Protein backbone atom coordinates (compact mmCIF):
# COMPACT_ATOMS: atom_id res chain seq x y z
CA UNK A 1 0.00 0.00 0.00
CA UNK A 2 2.78 2.44 0.92
CA UNK A 3 4.69 1.59 -2.26
CA UNK A 4 1.63 2.27 -4.42
CA UNK A 5 0.99 5.59 -2.64
CA UNK A 6 4.64 6.59 -3.13
CA UNK A 7 4.48 5.78 -6.88
CA UNK A 8 1.31 7.85 -7.25
CA UNK A 9 2.90 10.74 -5.39
CA UNK A 10 6.03 10.50 -7.59
CA UNK A 11 3.88 10.47 -10.75
CA UNK A 12 1.86 13.47 -9.55
CA UNK A 13 5.06 15.35 -8.68
CA UNK A 14 6.55 14.58 -12.12
CA UNK A 15 3.41 15.78 -13.90
CA UNK A 16 3.36 18.95 -11.80
CA UNK A 17 7.00 19.69 -12.62
CA UNK A 18 6.33 19.12 -16.33
CA UNK A 19 3.36 21.51 -16.22
CA UNK A 20 5.45 24.17 -14.53
CA UNK A 21 8.25 23.75 -17.10
CA UNK A 22 5.77 24.03 -19.97
CA UNK A 23 4.28 27.22 -18.52
CA UNK A 24 7.67 28.87 -19.01
CA UNK A 25 7.64 28.23 -22.77
CA UNK A 26 5.56 29.85 -25.45
CA UNK A 27 6.12 30.00 -29.21
CA UNK A 28 9.63 28.58 -28.80
CA UNK A 29 10.59 31.23 -26.24
CA UNK A 30 11.75 30.04 -22.82
CA UNK A 31 11.29 32.34 -19.85
CA UNK A 32 13.37 31.80 -16.73
CA UNK A 33 11.30 30.58 -13.78
CA UNK A 34 13.20 32.94 -11.44
CA UNK A 35 15.15 36.14 -11.94
CA UNK A 36 16.97 38.64 -9.74
CA UNK A 37 15.92 42.28 -9.86
CA UNK A 38 16.97 45.05 -7.47
CA UNK A 39 18.22 42.52 -4.91
CA UNK A 40 14.97 40.51 -4.93
CA UNK A 41 14.11 37.14 -6.38
CA UNK A 42 11.10 37.30 -8.69
CA UNK A 43 9.13 34.35 -10.01
CA UNK A 44 7.50 33.90 -13.35
CA UNK A 45 3.78 34.51 -12.83
CA UNK A 46 2.75 33.60 -16.38
CA UNK A 47 3.46 33.99 -20.08
CA UNK A 48 1.41 35.10 -23.07
CA UNK A 49 1.66 36.23 -26.66
CA UNK A 50 0.56 39.43 -28.38
CA UNK A 51 -0.93 38.59 -31.74
CA UNK A 52 -3.25 40.27 -34.22
CA UNK A 53 -4.88 37.80 -36.58
CA UNK A 54 -1.92 35.66 -37.74
CA UNK A 55 0.74 38.32 -37.00
CA UNK A 56 2.71 37.41 -33.90
CA UNK A 57 4.21 40.52 -32.29
CA UNK A 58 5.92 39.33 -29.12
CA UNK A 59 5.76 36.91 -26.25
CA UNK A 60 5.69 38.28 -22.73
CA UNK A 61 6.46 37.06 -19.23
CA UNK A 62 5.33 38.68 -15.97
CA UNK A 63 7.62 38.42 -12.95
CA UNK A 64 6.48 39.12 -9.38
CA UNK A 65 7.69 38.37 -5.87
CA UNK A 66 4.66 36.11 -5.28
CA UNK A 67 1.99 34.60 -7.51
CA UNK A 68 -1.02 36.76 -8.45
CA UNK A 69 -4.06 35.60 -10.37
CA UNK A 70 -5.89 38.88 -10.98
CA UNK A 71 -4.94 42.39 -12.09
CA UNK A 72 -5.56 43.98 -8.69
CA UNK A 73 -3.12 41.53 -7.05
CA UNK A 74 -0.51 42.17 -9.76
CA UNK A 75 -0.73 45.94 -9.38
CA UNK A 76 -0.71 45.78 -5.56
CA UNK A 77 2.20 43.32 -5.43
CA UNK A 78 5.00 44.87 -3.38
CA UNK A 79 8.57 45.34 -4.50
CA UNK A 80 10.23 45.01 -7.90
CA UNK A 81 8.28 43.70 -10.93
CA UNK A 82 9.13 42.93 -14.53
CA UNK A 83 7.28 42.55 -17.80
CA UNK A 84 9.66 40.94 -20.29
CA UNK A 85 8.82 41.09 -23.99
CA UNK A 86 10.58 38.87 -26.52
CA UNK A 87 10.15 40.32 -29.98
CA UNK A 88 8.90 38.08 -32.77
CA UNK A 89 9.07 40.79 -35.44
CA UNK A 90 10.83 44.08 -36.11
CA UNK A 91 9.15 47.29 -34.90
CA UNK A 92 10.10 50.95 -34.82
CA UNK A 93 10.10 52.94 -31.60
CA UNK A 94 7.07 54.97 -32.69
CA UNK A 95 5.03 51.75 -32.78
CA UNK A 96 5.91 51.22 -29.10
CA UNK A 97 5.11 54.82 -28.19
CA UNK A 98 1.72 54.63 -29.91
CA UNK A 99 0.90 51.24 -28.35
CA UNK A 100 1.81 52.37 -24.83
CA UNK A 101 -0.25 55.53 -25.13
CA UNK A 102 -3.21 53.58 -26.50
CA UNK A 103 -2.97 51.03 -23.70
CA UNK A 104 -2.77 53.66 -20.99
CA UNK A 105 -5.66 55.67 -22.49
CA UNK A 106 -7.80 52.54 -22.56
CA UNK A 107 -7.15 51.69 -18.91
CA UNK A 108 -6.79 55.06 -17.15
CA UNK A 109 -9.11 57.94 -16.41
CA UNK A 110 -8.55 61.43 -17.81
CA UNK A 111 -7.37 62.58 -14.37
CA UNK A 112 -4.89 59.72 -14.08
CA UNK A 113 -3.54 60.46 -17.55
CA UNK A 114 -3.08 64.13 -16.64
CA UNK A 115 -1.00 63.11 -13.60
CA UNK A 116 1.10 60.79 -15.76
CA UNK A 117 1.56 63.11 -18.78
CA UNK A 118 4.96 64.58 -17.88
CA UNK A 119 6.41 61.21 -16.90
CA UNK A 120 4.94 59.51 -19.96
CA UNK A 121 6.76 62.11 -22.08
CA UNK A 122 10.00 61.11 -20.31
CA UNK A 123 9.24 57.43 -20.94
CA UNK A 124 8.48 58.23 -24.60
CA UNK A 125 12.02 59.64 -24.91
CA UNK A 126 13.41 56.41 -23.46
CA UNK A 127 11.40 54.33 -25.95
CA UNK A 128 12.40 56.53 -28.89
CA UNK A 129 16.06 56.05 -27.99
CA UNK A 130 15.61 52.36 -28.90
CA UNK A 131 14.99 53.51 -32.52
CA UNK A 132 14.03 49.98 -33.63
CA UNK A 133 13.70 46.55 -32.07
CA UNK A 134 14.44 43.43 -34.08
CA UNK A 135 13.16 39.88 -34.00
CA UNK A 136 14.85 38.12 -31.07
CA UNK A 137 15.38 41.31 -29.02
CA UNK A 138 14.37 41.28 -25.35
CA UNK A 139 12.67 44.37 -23.92
CA UNK A 140 12.35 44.59 -20.12
CA UNK A 141 9.94 46.94 -18.39
CA UNK A 142 11.03 46.92 -14.75
CA UNK A 143 9.64 48.56 -11.66
CA UNK A 144 12.43 49.25 -9.19
CA UNK A 145 11.29 50.82 -5.91
CA UNK A 146 12.86 54.24 -5.25
CA UNK A 147 13.82 54.47 -8.95
CA UNK A 148 10.66 53.80 -10.94
CA UNK A 149 10.12 52.44 -14.46
CA UNK A 150 13.34 51.21 -16.06
CA UNK A 151 13.41 50.29 -19.76
CA UNK A 152 16.08 47.89 -21.05
CA UNK A 153 16.87 46.40 -24.44
CA UNK A 154 18.86 43.14 -24.37
CA UNK A 155 20.01 43.90 -20.82
CA UNK A 156 21.16 47.45 -21.56
CA UNK A 157 19.25 50.26 -19.81
CA UNK A 158 17.74 52.86 -22.15
CA UNK A 159 17.45 56.38 -20.74
CA UNK A 160 16.81 57.40 -17.16
CA UNK A 161 14.38 55.67 -14.79
CA UNK A 162 10.97 57.36 -14.71
CA UNK A 163 9.65 57.65 -11.13
CA UNK A 164 6.28 56.63 -9.82
CA UNK A 165 4.60 53.41 -8.83
CA UNK A 166 1.42 54.86 -10.39
CA UNK A 167 3.16 55.03 -13.77
CA UNK A 168 4.20 51.39 -13.54
CA UNK A 169 0.66 50.45 -12.49
CA UNK A 170 -0.62 52.18 -15.64
CA UNK A 171 1.90 50.21 -17.73
CA UNK A 172 0.82 46.92 -16.09
CA UNK A 173 -2.81 47.69 -16.94
CA UNK A 174 -1.84 47.66 -20.62
CA UNK A 175 -1.13 43.95 -20.18
CA UNK A 176 -3.57 42.85 -17.43
CA UNK A 177 -6.07 45.72 -17.01
CA UNK A 178 -9.77 45.74 -17.82
CA UNK A 179 -9.00 46.56 -21.46
CA UNK A 180 -5.73 44.71 -22.09
CA UNK A 181 -3.87 44.98 -25.37
CA UNK A 182 -4.56 41.24 -25.86
CA UNK A 183 -7.12 39.27 -23.81
CA UNK A 184 -5.47 35.90 -24.36
CA UNK A 185 -2.10 37.33 -23.32
CA UNK A 186 -3.70 38.69 -20.13
CA UNK A 187 -4.98 35.21 -19.25
CA UNK A 188 -1.49 33.77 -19.75
CA UNK A 189 0.28 36.47 -17.73
CA UNK A 190 -2.14 35.86 -14.87
CA UNK A 191 -1.10 32.21 -14.83
CA UNK A 192 -3.93 30.78 -16.93
CA UNK A 193 -3.70 28.68 -20.07
CA UNK A 194 -3.93 30.39 -23.43
């Protein structure tokens, strides 16, 4: 009886490990289960893909200090956070600027946007300094407490950090808010299956 119970437990554990490993892969892109950011260990919360019709734009991974299954939990999560985008096609910086503004407009009130306007302009400059991203590039959108929103391309920081947890919350809403840029991607980033 004990032997049979042990075998069942071992099988269940193996299946669970396989499911976790699969959750870190999407469209041939593998996302690390754990990363270090600002002295904290973050865990992969989920992955998703931004696609329009048959055009695949990028895959994304959301990293948090603890698992979160809804947008409110993601936004309220303490400490550093990361949205990592792995580009599946080339895009100019203006495409990013337009997409970020559209996402924030769709998920923020007029008053919130007014409070963010100056800092969004600073973040726009950071995005424009990328000029163009290519297939295979990795874009990180990090929240670092006491610094703010940090943009990186392939591990290299672009521009100055833009302060404000409220700005990063607005950026997160682009991905997991009430009107996300891609509903299937939102489900994946929140740990669901897409």
